[in-house]
Amino acid sequence: MGTGKRAGPRRQRRFDAVLLLLALAVTACVVAWGYLVKAAIDFGVTARGGESGAWLFLGLASLGAVACLFIGLILVARVVRRLTNPPSDSSSGAQATAQPRLPGGRRATR
């Protein structure tokens, strides 16, 4: 199938260890978030039952859950960015051979 007019070379995706680590970190954040939300609910029930010390733990578990969710969302954004913009093979990271695009397209330059 690689013989057409616009057929380009096919690149195969290699194993990306950084992507695997990011996915594992997202999973850990989601699991920690779920545990902290359940703990906050339990501390809230205990605090409403009359134990005043549980309010402190409720606040700490809530802040921890918010932090885990925030970090997890940041990591998800990094995973998506890594999947959509794979790192280039050049050492500088930018394409030095790319020419600036002219306004108007190909037909306007003829």
PDB file of N, CA and C in Angstrom:
ATOM      1  N   MET A   1       0.794  -1.203   0.000  1.00  0.00           N
ATOM      2  CA  MET A   1       0.000   0.000   0.000  1.00  0.00           C
ATOM      3  C   MET A   1       0.832   1.260   0.000  1.00  0.00           C
ATOM      4  N   GLY A   2       2.101   1.238  -0.066  1.00  0.00           N
ATOM      5  CA  GLY A   2       2.909   2.441   0.025  1.00  0.00           C
ATOM      6  C   GLY A   2       3.378   2.952  -1.315  1.00  0.00           C
ATOM      7  N   THR A   3       2.544   2.904  -2.366  1.00  0.00           N
ATOM      8  CA  THR A   3       2.999   3.308  -3.687  1.00  0.00           C
ATOM      9  C   THR A   3       2.218   4.470  -4.263  1.00  0.00           C
ATOM     10  N   GLY A   4       1.327   5.083  -3.516  1.00  0.00           N
ATOM     11  CA  GLY A   4       0.501   6.163  -4.052  1.00  0.00           C
ATOM     12  C   GLY A   4       1.244   7.478  -4.162  1.00  0.00           C
ATOM     13  N   LYS A   5       0.544   8.465  -4.719  1.00  0.00           N
ATOM     14  CA  LYS A   5       1.130   9.780  -4.930  1.00  0.00           C
ATOM     15  C   LYS A   5       1.500  10.451  -3.609  1.00  0.00           C
ATOM     16  N   ARG A   6       0.652  10.275  -2.615  1.00  0.00           N
ATOM     17  CA  ARG A   6       0.891  10.925  -1.323  1.00  0.00           C
ATOM     18  C   ARG A   6       1.309   9.934  -0.240  1.00  0.00           C
ATOM     19  N   ALA A   7       1.790   8.798  -0.640  1.00  0.00           N
ATOM     20  CA  ALA A   7       2.206   7.784   0.327  1.00  0.00           C
ATOM     21  C   ALA A   7       3.536   8.175   0.936  1.00  0.00           C
ATOM     22  N   GLY A   8       3.552   8.273   2.244  1.00  0.00           N
ATOM     23  CA  GLY A   8       4.781   8.624   2.944  1.00  0.00           C
ATOM     24  C   GLY A   8       5.284   7.434   3.735  1.00  0.00           C
ATOM     25  N   PRO A   9       6.435   7.574   4.292  1.00  0.00           N
ATOM     26  CA  PRO A   9       6.970   6.472   5.097  1.00  0.00           C
ATOM     27  C   PRO A   9       6.128   6.280   6.357  1.00  0.00           C
ATOM     28  N   ARG A  10       5.890   5.047   6.703  1.00  0.00           N
ATOM     29  CA  ARG A  10       5.121   4.717   7.896  1.00  0.00           C
ATOM     30  C   ARG A  10       6.068   4.618   9.080  1.00  0.00           C
ATOM     31  N   ARG A  11       5.721   5.340  10.139  1.00  0.00           N
ATOM     32  CA  ARG A  11       6.540   5.260  11.344  1.00  0.00           C
ATOM     33  C   ARG A  11       5.850   4.342  12.339  1.00  0.00           C
ATOM     34  N   GLN A  12       6.603   3.435  12.895  1.00  0.00           N
ATOM     35  CA  GLN A  12       6.056   2.569  13.919  1.00  0.00           C
ATOM     36  C   GLN A  12       6.363   3.175  15.270  1.00  0.00           C
ATOM     37  N   ARG A  13       5.385   3.101  16.133  1.00  0.00           N
ATOM     38  CA  ARG A  13       5.551   3.655  17.469  1.00  0.00           C
ATOM     39  C   ARG A  13       6.393   2.709  18.317  1.00  0.00           C
ATOM     40  N   ARG A  14       7.395   3.266  18.954  1.00  0.00           N
ATOM     41  CA  ARG A  14       8.260   2.483  19.818  1.00  0.00           C
ATOM     42  C   ARG A  14       7.727   2.512  21.243  1.00  0.00           C
ATOM     43  N   PHE A  15       8.244   1.623  22.056  1.00  0.00           N
ATOM     44  CA  PHE A  15       7.877   1.598  23.462  1.00  0.00           C
ATOM     45  C   PHE A  15       8.391   2.868  24.136  1.00  0.00           C
ATOM     46  N   ASP A  16       7.528   3.540  24.873  1.00  0.00           N
ATOM     47  CA  ASP A  16       7.880   4.785  25.529  1.00  0.00           C
ATOM     48  C   ASP A  16       7.785   4.585  27.041  1.00  0.00           C
ATOM     49  N   ALA A  17       8.933   4.494  27.694  1.00  0.00           N
ATOM     50  CA  ALA A  17       8.961   4.246  29.138  1.00  0.00           C
ATOM     51  C   ALA A  17       8.392   5.426  29.917  1.00  0.00           C
ATOM     52  N   VAL A  18       8.609   6.640  29.436  1.00  0.00           N
ATOM     53  CA  VAL A  18       8.083   7.818  30.128  1.00  0.00           C
ATOM     54  C   VAL A  18       6.558   7.804  30.096  1.00  0.00           C
ATOM     55  N   LEU A  19       5.989   7.389  28.974  1.00  0.00           N
ATOM     56  CA  LEU A  19       4.536   7.298  28.863  1.00  0.00           C
ATOM     57  C   LEU A  19       3.982   6.253  29.823  1.00  0.00           C
ATOM     58  N   LEU A  20       4.680   5.139  29.977  1.00  0.00           N
ATOM     59  CA  LEU A  20       4.262   4.108  30.921  1.00  0.00           C
ATOM     60  C   LEU A  20       4.316   4.641  32.354  1.00  0.00           C
ATOM     61  N   LEU A  21       5.369   5.362  32.691  1.00  0.00           N
ATOM     62  CA  LEU A  21       5.476   5.929  34.037  1.00  0.00           C
ATOM     63  C   LEU A  21       4.385   6.964  34.302  1.00  0.00           C
ATOM     64  N   LEU A  22       4.076   7.768  33.303  1.00  0.00           N
ATOM     65  CA  LEU A  22       2.997   8.738  33.464  1.00  0.00           C
ATOM     66  C   LEU A  22       1.656   8.048  33.664  1.00  0.00           C
ATOM     67  N   ALA A  23       1.418   6.979  32.911  1.00  0.00           N
ATOM     68  CA  ALA A  23       0.157   6.244  33.061  1.00  0.00           C
ATOM     69  C   ALA A  23       0.061   5.596  34.443  1.00  0.00           C
ATOM     70  N   LEU A  24       1.156   5.066  34.946  1.00  0.00           N
ATOM     71  CA  LEU A  24       1.151   4.482  36.286  1.00  0.00           C
ATOM     72  C   LEU A  24       0.941   5.557  37.355  1.00  0.00           C
ATOM     73  N   ALA A  25       1.517   6.726  37.158  1.00  0.00           N
ATOM     74  CA  ALA A  25       1.329   7.815  38.110  1.00  0.00           C
ATOM     75  C   ALA A  25      -0.120   8.302  38.118  1.00  0.00           C
ATOM     76  N   VAL A  26      -0.737   8.366  36.934  1.00  0.00           N
ATOM     77  CA  VAL A  26      -2.155   8.747  36.862  1.00  0.00           C
ATOM     78  C   VAL A  26      -3.000   7.720  37.608  1.00  0.00           C
ATOM     79  N   THR A  27      -2.707   6.448  37.406  1.00  0.00           N
ATOM     80  CA  THR A  27      -3.453   5.394  38.093  1.00  0.00           C
ATOM     81  C   THR A  27      -3.287   5.506  39.606  1.00  0.00           C
ATOM     82  N   ALA A  28      -2.073   5.744  40.069  1.00  0.00           N
ATOM     83  CA  ALA A  28      -1.827   5.886  41.509  1.00  0.00           C
ATOM     84  C   ALA A  28      -2.571   7.096  42.077  1.00  0.00           C
ATOM     85  N   CYS A  29      -2.598   8.197  41.334  1.00  0.00           N
ATOM     86  CA  CYS A  29      -3.314   9.388  41.805  1.00  0.00           C
ATOM     87  C   CYS A  29      -4.817   9.142  41.895  1.00  0.00           C
ATOM     88  N   VAL A  30      -5.362   8.427  40.923  1.00  0.00           N
ATOM     89  CA  VAL A  30      -6.799   8.151  40.945  1.00  0.00           C
ATOM     90  C   VAL A  30      -7.158   7.214  42.098  1.00  0.00           C
ATOM     91  N   VAL A  31      -6.318   6.220  42.345  1.00  0.00           N
ATOM     92  CA  VAL A  31      -6.571   5.302  43.460  1.00  0.00           C
ATOM     93  C   VAL A  31      -6.455   6.048  44.785  1.00  0.00           C
ATOM     94  N   ALA A  32      -5.431   6.880  44.938  1.00  0.00           N
ATOM     95  CA  ALA A  32      -5.269   7.657  46.169  1.00  0.00           C
ATOM     96  C   ALA A  32      -6.429   8.627  46.353  1.00  0.00           C
ATOM     97  N   TRP A  33      -6.885   9.246  45.277  1.00  0.00           N
ATOM     98  CA  TRP A  33      -8.029  10.146  45.343  1.00  0.00           C
ATOM     99  C   TRP A  33      -9.265   9.412  45.838  1.00  0.00           C
ATOM    100  N   GLY A  34      -9.521   8.236  45.287  1.00  0.00           N
ATOM    101  CA  GLY A  34     -10.687   7.462  45.717  1.00  0.00           C
ATOM    102  C   GLY A  34     -10.605   7.076  47.188  1.00  0.00           C
ATOM    103  N   TYR A  35      -9.421   6.671  47.637  1.00  0.00           N
ATOM    104  CA  TYR A  35      -9.249   6.310  49.041  1.00  0.00           C
ATOM    105  C   TYR A  35      -9.465   7.524  49.944  1.00  0.00           C
ATOM    106  N   LEU A  36      -8.924   8.679  49.563  1.00  0.00           N
ATOM    107  CA  LEU A  36      -9.074   9.873  50.390  1.00  0.00           C
ATOM    108  C   LEU A  36     -10.508  10.385  50.413  1.00  0.00           C
ATOM    109  N   VAL A  37     -11.237  10.238  49.319  1.00  0.00           N
ATOM    110  CA  VAL A  37     -12.645  10.632  49.311  1.00  0.00           C
ATOM    111  C   VAL A  37     -13.441   9.723  50.250  1.00  0.00           C
ATOM    112  N   LYS A  38     -13.172   8.414  50.200  1.00  0.00           N
ATOM    113  CA  LYS A  38     -13.867   7.490  51.103  1.00  0.00           C
ATOM    114  C   LYS A  38     -13.511   7.800  52.555  1.00  0.00           C
ATOM    115  N   ALA A  39     -12.243   8.110  52.828  1.00  0.00           N
ATOM    116  CA  ALA A  39     -11.830   8.463  54.183  1.00  0.00           C
ATOM    117  C   ALA A  39     -12.496   9.756  54.635  1.00  0.00           C
ATOM    118  N   ALA A  40     -12.605  10.734  53.752  1.00  0.00           N
ATOM    119  CA  ALA A  40     -13.255  11.995  54.109  1.00  0.00           C
ATOM    120  C   ALA A  40     -14.728  11.766  54.438  1.00  0.00           C
ATOM    121  N   ILE A  41     -15.385  10.900  53.685  1.00  0.00           N
ATOM    122  CA  ILE A  41     -16.786  10.591  53.980  1.00  0.00           C
ATOM    123  C   ILE A  41     -16.908   9.924  55.344  1.00  0.00           C
ATOM    124  N   ASP A  42     -16.030   8.976  55.621  1.00  0.00           N
ATOM    125  CA  ASP A  42     -16.061   8.298  56.921  1.00  0.00           C
ATOM    126  C   ASP A  42     -15.769   9.261  58.068  1.00  0.00           C
ATOM    127  N   PHE A  43     -14.787  10.140  57.889  1.00  0.00           N
ATOM    128  CA  PHE A  43     -14.492  11.125  58.930  1.00  0.00           C
ATOM    129  C   PHE A  43     -15.644  12.104  59.106  1.00  0.00           C
ATOM    130  N   GLY A  44     -16.336  12.429  58.028  1.00  0.00           N
ATOM    131  CA  GLY A  44     -17.490  13.319  58.126  1.00  0.00           C
ATOM    132  C   GLY A  44     -18.623  12.694  58.921  1.00  0.00           C
ATOM    133  N   VAL A  45     -18.848  11.413  58.699  1.00  0.00           N
ATOM    134  CA  VAL A  45     -19.886  10.706  59.465  1.00  0.00           C
ATOM    135  C   VAL A  45     -19.506  10.673  60.942  1.00  0.00           C
ATOM    136  N   THR A  46     -18.241  10.404  61.221  1.00  0.00           N
ATOM    137  CA  THR A  46     -17.766  10.361  62.609  1.00  0.00           C
ATOM    138  C   THR A  46     -17.852  11.740  63.264  1.00  0.00           C
ATOM    139  N   ALA A  47     -17.489  12.780  62.514  1.00  0.00           N
ATOM    140  CA  ALA A  47     -17.521  14.139  63.058  1.00  0.00           C
ATOM    141  C   ALA A  47     -18.954  14.582  63.350  1.00  0.00           C
ATOM    142  N   ARG A  48     -19.873  14.224  62.501  1.00  0.00           N
ATOM    143  CA  ARG A  48     -21.267  14.585  62.751  1.00  0.00           C
ATOM    144  C   ARG A  48     -21.859  13.786  63.899  1.00  0.00           C
ATOM    145  N   GLY A  49     -21.209  12.663  64.201  1.00  0.00           N
ATOM    146  CA  GLY A  49     -21.664  11.851  65.327  1.00  0.00           C
ATOM    147  C   GLY A  49     -21.244  12.421  66.665  1.00  0.00           C
ATOM    148  N   GLY A  50     -20.402  13.423  66.686  1.00  0.00           N
ATOM    149  CA  GLY A  50     -20.060  14.076  67.935  1.00  0.00           C
ATOM    150  C   GLY A  50     -18.585  14.089  68.262  1.00  0.00           C
ATOM    151  N   GLU A  51     -17.737  13.414  67.516  1.00  0.00           N
ATOM    152  CA  GLU A  51     -16.308  13.429  67.823  1.00  0.00           C
ATOM    153  C   GLU A  51     -15.672  14.633  67.138  1.00  0.00           C
ATOM    154  N   SER A  52     -15.193  15.574  67.935  1.00  0.00           N
ATOM    155  CA  SER A  52     -14.692  16.835  67.374  1.00  0.00           C
ATOM    156  C   SER A  52     -13.332  16.682  66.698  1.00  0.00           C
ATOM    157  N   GLY A  53     -12.535  15.702  67.059  1.00  0.00           N
ATOM    158  CA  GLY A  53     -11.225  15.512  66.444  1.00  0.00           C
ATOM    159  C   GLY A  53     -11.309  15.029  65.009  1.00  0.00           C
ATOM    160  N   ALA A  54     -12.448  14.484  64.629  1.00  0.00           N
ATOM    161  CA  ALA A  54     -12.607  13.967  63.267  1.00  0.00           C
ATOM    162  C   ALA A  54     -12.711  15.087  62.241  1.00  0.00           C
ATOM    163  N   TRP A  55     -13.064  16.308  62.679  1.00  0.00           N
ATOM    164  CA  TRP A  55     -13.166  17.422  61.746  1.00  0.00           C
ATOM    165  C   TRP A  55     -11.808  17.761  61.136  1.00  0.00           C
ATOM    166  N   LEU A  56     -10.763  17.664  61.936  1.00  0.00           N
ATOM    167  CA  LEU A  56      -9.419  17.925  61.424  1.00  0.00           C
ATOM    168  C   LEU A  56      -9.039  16.897  60.356  1.00  0.00           C
ATOM    169  N   PHE A  57      -9.312  15.631  60.648  1.00  0.00           N
ATOM    170  CA  PHE A  57      -8.998  14.585  59.673  1.00  0.00           C
ATOM    171  C   PHE A  57      -9.857  14.703  58.414  1.00  0.00           C
ATOM    172  N   LEU A  58     -11.101  15.152  58.594  1.00  0.00           N
ATOM    173  CA  LEU A  58     -11.962  15.393  57.437  1.00  0.00           C
ATOM    174  C   LEU A  58     -11.365  16.457  56.535  1.00  0.00           C
ATOM    175  N   GLY A  59     -10.875  17.537  57.128  1.00  0.00           N
ATOM    176  CA  GLY A  59     -10.261  18.607  56.340  1.00  0.00           C
ATOM    177  C   GLY A  59      -8.985  18.154  55.646  1.00  0.00           C
ATOM    178  N   LEU A  60      -8.163  17.403  56.371  1.00  0.00           N
ATOM    179  CA  LEU A  60      -6.919  16.920  55.769  1.00  0.00           C
ATOM    180  C   LEU A  60      -7.185  15.933  54.629  1.00  0.00           C
ATOM    181  N   ALA A  61      -8.144  15.035  54.831  1.00  0.00           N
ATOM    182  CA  ALA A  61      -8.472  14.074  53.768  1.00  0.00           C
ATOM    183  C   ALA A  61      -9.058  14.789  52.555  1.00  0.00           C
ATOM    184  N   SER A  62      -9.849  15.829  52.795  1.00  0.00           N
ATOM    185  CA  SER A  62     -10.425  16.593  51.676  1.00  0.00           C
ATOM    186  C   SER A  62      -9.344  17.322  50.890  1.00  0.00           C
ATOM    187  N   LEU A  63      -8.418  17.958  51.598  1.00  0.00           N
ATOM    188  CA  LEU A  63      -7.316  18.641  50.909  1.00  0.00           C
ATOM    189  C   LEU A  63      -6.437  17.656  50.146  1.00  0.00           C
ATOM    190  N   GLY A  64      -6.187  16.498  50.741  1.00  0.00           N
ATOM    191  CA  GLY A  64      -5.413  15.481  50.047  1.00  0.00           C
ATOM    192  C   GLY A  64      -6.109  14.982  48.791  1.00  0.00           C
ATOM    193  N   ALA A  65      -7.428  14.826  48.864  1.00  0.00           N
ATOM    194  CA  ALA A  65      -8.182  14.379  47.695  1.00  0.00           C
ATOM    195  C   ALA A  65      -8.144  15.424  46.581  1.00  0.00           C
ATOM    196  N   VAL A  66      -8.266  16.669  46.960  1.00  0.00           N
ATOM    197  CA  VAL A  66      -8.193  17.745  45.955  1.00  0.00           C
ATOM    198  C   VAL A  66      -6.807  17.769  45.307  1.00  0.00           C
ATOM    199  N   ALA A  67      -5.768  17.621  46.113  1.00  0.00           N
ATOM    200  CA  ALA A  67      -4.400  17.626  45.576  1.00  0.00           C
ATOM    201  C   ALA A  67      -4.172  16.440  44.639  1.00  0.00           C
ATOM    202  N   CYS A  68      -4.657  15.254  45.026  1.00  0.00           N
ATOM    203  CA  CYS A  68      -4.484  14.073  44.165  1.00  0.00           C
ATOM    204  C   CYS A  68      -5.218  14.240  42.839  1.00  0.00           C
ATOM    205  N   LEU A  69      -6.426  14.789  42.898  1.00  0.00           N
ATOM    206  CA  LEU A  69      -7.179  14.987  41.663  1.00  0.00           C
ATOM    207  C   LEU A  69      -6.490  16.012  40.768  1.00  0.00           C
ATOM    208  N   PHE A  70      -5.986  17.081  41.349  1.00  0.00           N
ATOM    209  CA  PHE A  70      -5.296  18.114  40.570  1.00  0.00           C
ATOM    210  C   PHE A  70      -4.034  17.555  39.914  1.00  0.00           C
ATOM    211  N   ILE A  71      -3.232  16.843  40.676  1.00  0.00           N
ATOM    212  CA  ILE A  71      -2.003  16.253  40.131  1.00  0.00           C
ATOM    213  C   ILE A  71      -2.345  15.223  39.054  1.00  0.00           C
ATOM    214  N   GLY A  72      -3.398  14.434  39.296  1.00  0.00           N
ATOM    215  CA  GLY A  72      -3.824  13.451  38.293  1.00  0.00           C
ATOM    216  C   GLY A  72      -4.236  14.106  36.989  1.00  0.00           C
ATOM    217  N   LEU A  73      -4.952  15.223  37.064  1.00  0.00           N
ATOM    218  CA  LEU A  73      -5.358  15.916  35.844  1.00  0.00           C
ATOM    219  C   LEU A  73      -4.164  16.515  35.107  1.00  0.00           C
ATOM    220  N   ILE A  74      -3.191  17.010  35.848  1.00  0.00           N
ATOM    221  CA  ILE A  74      -1.973  17.516  35.208  1.00  0.00           C
ATOM    222  C   ILE A  74      -1.246  16.382  34.489  1.00  0.00           C
ATOM    223  N   LEU A  75      -1.171  15.225  35.142  1.00  0.00           N
ATOM    224  CA  LEU A  75      -0.502  14.083  34.519  1.00  0.00           C
ATOM    225  C   LEU A  75      -1.257  13.587  33.288  1.00  0.00           C
ATOM    226  N   VAL A  76      -2.588  13.618  33.322  1.00  0.00           N
ATOM    227  CA  VAL A  76      -3.382  13.229  32.147  1.00  0.00           C
ATOM    228  C   VAL A  76      -3.095  14.176  30.986  1.00  0.00           C
ATOM    229  N   ALA A  77      -2.967  15.462  31.282  1.00  0.00           N
ATOM    230  CA  ALA A  77      -2.637  16.427  30.226  1.00  0.00           C
ATOM    231  C   ALA A  77      -1.267  16.121  29.621  1.00  0.00           C
ATOM    232  N   ARG A  78      -0.318  15.720  30.456  1.00  0.00           N
ATOM    233  CA  ARG A  78       1.008  15.367  29.933  1.00  0.00           C
ATOM    234  C   ARG A  78       0.952  14.103  29.086  1.00  0.00           C
ATOM    235  N   VAL A  79       0.128  13.136  29.483  1.00  0.00           N
ATOM    236  CA  VAL A  79      -0.015  11.907  28.689  1.00  0.00           C
ATOM    237  C   VAL A  79      -0.601  12.244  27.322  1.00  0.00           C
ATOM    238  N   VAL A  80      -1.646  13.060  27.310  1.00  0.00           N
ATOM    239  CA  VAL A  80      -2.278  13.423  26.041  1.00  0.00           C
ATOM    240  C   VAL A  80      -1.311  14.202  25.164  1.00  0.00           C
ATOM    241  N   ARG A  81      -0.552  15.122  25.759  1.00  0.00           N
ATOM    242  CA  ARG A  81       0.419  15.888  24.973  1.00  0.00           C
ATOM    243  C   ARG A  81       1.503  14.979  24.409  1.00  0.00           C
ATOM    244  N   ARG A  82       1.911  13.993  25.187  1.00  0.00           N
ATOM    245  CA  ARG A  82       2.955  13.068  24.724  1.00  0.00           C
ATOM    246  C   ARG A  82       2.427  12.167  23.603  1.00  0.00           C
ATOM    247  N   LEU A  83       1.148  11.801  23.671  1.00  0.00           N
ATOM    248  CA  LEU A  83       0.573  10.950  22.627  1.00  0.00           C
ATOM    249  C   LEU A  83       0.334  11.718  21.333  1.00  0.00           C
ATOM    250  N   THR A  84      -0.051  12.981  21.435  1.00  0.00           N
ATOM    251  CA  THR A  84      -0.357  13.749  20.228  1.00  0.00           C
ATOM    252  C   THR A  84       0.869  14.381  19.603  1.00  0.00           C
ATOM    253  N   ASN A  85       1.886  14.717  20.394  1.00  0.00           N
ATOM    254  CA  ASN A  85       3.116  15.323  19.884  1.00  0.00           C
ATOM    255  C   ASN A  85       4.297  14.472  20.310  1.00  0.00           C
ATOM    256  N   PRO A  86       4.585  13.413  19.569  1.00  0.00           N
ATOM    257  CA  PRO A  86       5.710  12.569  19.978  1.00  0.00           C
ATOM    258  C   PRO A  86       7.015  13.341  19.878  1.00  0.00           C
ATOM    259  N   PRO A  87       7.983  13.016  20.732  1.00  0.00           N
ATOM    260  CA  PRO A  87       9.266  13.735  20.680  1.00  0.00           C
ATOM    261  C   PRO A  87       9.960  13.515  19.347  1.00  0.00           C
ATOM    262  N   SER A  88      10.582  14.568  18.846  1.00  0.00           N
ATOM    263  CA  SER A  88      11.257  14.471  17.554  1.00  0.00           C
ATOM    264  C   SER A  88      12.594  13.769  17.725  1.00  0.00           C
ATOM    265  N   ASP A  89      13.119  13.263  16.610  1.00  0.00           N
ATOM    266  CA  ASP A  89      14.384  12.543  16.638  1.00  0.00           C
ATOM    267  C   ASP A  89      15.582  13.478  16.650  1.00  0.00           C
ATOM    268  N   SER A  90      15.400  14.745  16.297  1.00  0.00           N
ATOM    269  CA  SER A  90      16.536  15.661  16.264  1.00  0.00           C
ATOM    270  C   SER A  90      16.929  16.053  17.684  1.00  0.00           C
ATOM    271  N   SER A  91      18.175  16.425  17.843  1.00  0.00           N
ATOM    272  CA  SER A  91      18.676  16.746  19.180  1.00  0.00           C
ATOM    273  C   SER A  91      18.189  18.108  19.670  1.00  0.00           C
ATOM    274  N   SER A  92      17.888  19.024  18.761  1.00  0.00           N
ATOM    275  CA  SER A  92      17.475  20.354  19.182  1.00  0.00           C
ATOM    276  C   SER A  92      15.999  20.400  19.538  1.00  0.00           C
ATOM    277  N   GLY A  93      15.222  19.431  19.097  1.00  0.00           N
ATOM    278  CA  GLY A  93      13.803  19.410  19.401  1.00  0.00           C
ATOM    279  C   GLY A  93      12.963  20.149  18.378  1.00  0.00           C
ATOM    280  N   ALA A  94      13.547  21.021  17.590  1.00  0.00           N
ATOM    281  CA  ALA A  94      12.810  21.755  16.565  1.00  0.00           C
ATOM    282  C   ALA A  94      13.354  21.366  15.200  1.00  0.00           C
ATOM    283  N   GLN A  95      12.509  21.503  14.213  1.00  0.00           N
ATOM    284  CA  GLN A  95      12.939  21.175  12.865  1.00  0.00           C
ATOM    285  C   GLN A  95      13.685  22.368  12.290  1.00  0.00           C
ATOM    286  N   ALA A  96      14.971  22.182  12.067  1.00  0.00           N
ATOM    287  CA  ALA A  96      15.785  23.269  11.544  1.00  0.00           C
ATOM    288  C   ALA A  96      15.592  23.428  10.044  1.00  0.00           C
ATOM    289  N   THR A  97      15.137  22.390   9.346  1.00  0.00           N
ATOM    290  CA  THR A  97      14.999  22.445   7.902  1.00  0.00           C
ATOM    291  C   THR A  97      13.624  22.938   7.456  1.00  0.00           C
ATOM    292  N   ALA A  98      12.719  23.161   8.379  1.00  0.00           N
ATOM    293  CA  ALA A  98      11.380  23.586   8.001  1.00  0.00           C
ATOM    294  C   ALA A  98      11.404  25.019   7.488  1.00  0.00           C
ATOM    295  N   GLN A  99      10.763  25.238   6.345  1.00  0.00           N
ATOM    296  CA  GLN A  99      10.711  26.555   5.749  1.00  0.00           C
ATOM    297  C   GLN A  99       9.467  27.273   6.264  1.00  0.00           C
ATOM    298  N   PRO A 100       9.526  28.594   6.385  1.00  0.00           N
ATOM    299  CA  PRO A 100       8.327  29.312   6.834  1.00  0.00           C
ATOM    300  C   PRO A 100       7.226  29.212   5.789  1.00  0.00           C
ATOM    301  N   ARG A 101       6.010  29.117   6.253  1.00  0.00           N
ATOM    302  CA  ARG A 101       4.871  28.985   5.342  1.00  0.00           C
ATOM    303  C   ARG A 101       4.503  30.337   4.763  1.00  0.00           C
ATOM    304  N   LEU A 102       4.262  30.364   3.471  1.00  0.00           N
ATOM    305  CA  LEU A 102       3.841  31.589   2.799  1.00  0.00           C
ATOM    306  C   LEU A 102       2.337  31.702   2.866  1.00  0.00           C
ATOM    307  N   PRO A 103       1.825  32.918   3.024  1.00  0.00           N
ATOM    308  CA  PRO A 103       0.373  33.065   3.040  1.00  0.00           C
ATOM    309  C   PRO A 103      -0.208  32.817   1.653  1.00  0.00           C
ATOM    310  N   GLY A 104      -1.371  32.225   1.619  1.00  0.00           N
ATOM    311  CA  GLY A 104      -2.050  32.002   0.350  1.00  0.00           C
ATOM    312  C   GLY A 104      -1.938  30.600  -0.169  1.00  0.00           C
ATOM    313  N   GLY A 105      -1.051  29.802   0.323  1.00  0.00           N
ATOM    314  CA  GLY A 105      -0.942  28.423  -0.093  1.00  0.00           C
ATOM    315  C   GLY A 105      -0.105  28.240  -1.351  1.00  0.00           C
ATOM    316  N   ARG A 106      -0.172  27.020  -1.900  1.00  0.00           N
ATOM    317  CA  ARG A 106       0.654  26.671  -3.041  1.00  0.00           C
ATOM    318  C   ARG A 106       0.214  27.381  -4.316  1.00  0.00           C
ATOM    319  N   ARG A 107      -1.065  27.520  -4.496  1.00  0.00           N
ATOM    320  CA  ARG A 107      -1.547  28.121  -5.752  1.00  0.00           C
ATOM    321  C   ARG A 107      -1.191  29.599  -5.826  1.00  0.00           C
ATOM    322  N   ALA A 108      -1.130  30.293  -4.698  1.00  0.00           N
ATOM    323  CA  ALA A 108      -0.823  31.727  -4.717  1.00  0.00           C
ATOM    324  C   ALA A 108       0.633  31.996  -5.068  1.00  0.00           C
ATOM    325  N   THR A 109       1.517  31.043  -4.860  1.00  0.00           N
ATOM    326  CA  THR A 109       2.938  31.282  -5.117  1.00  0.00           C
ATOM    327  C   THR A 109       3.321  31.013  -6.579  1.00  0.00           C
ATOM    328  N   ARG A 110       2.426  30.459  -7.355  1.00  0.00           N
ATOM    329  CA  ARG A 110       2.757  30.171  -8.772  1.00  0.00           C
ATOM    330  C   ARG A 110       2.841  31.398  -9.615  1.00  0.00           C
TER     331      ARG A 110
END
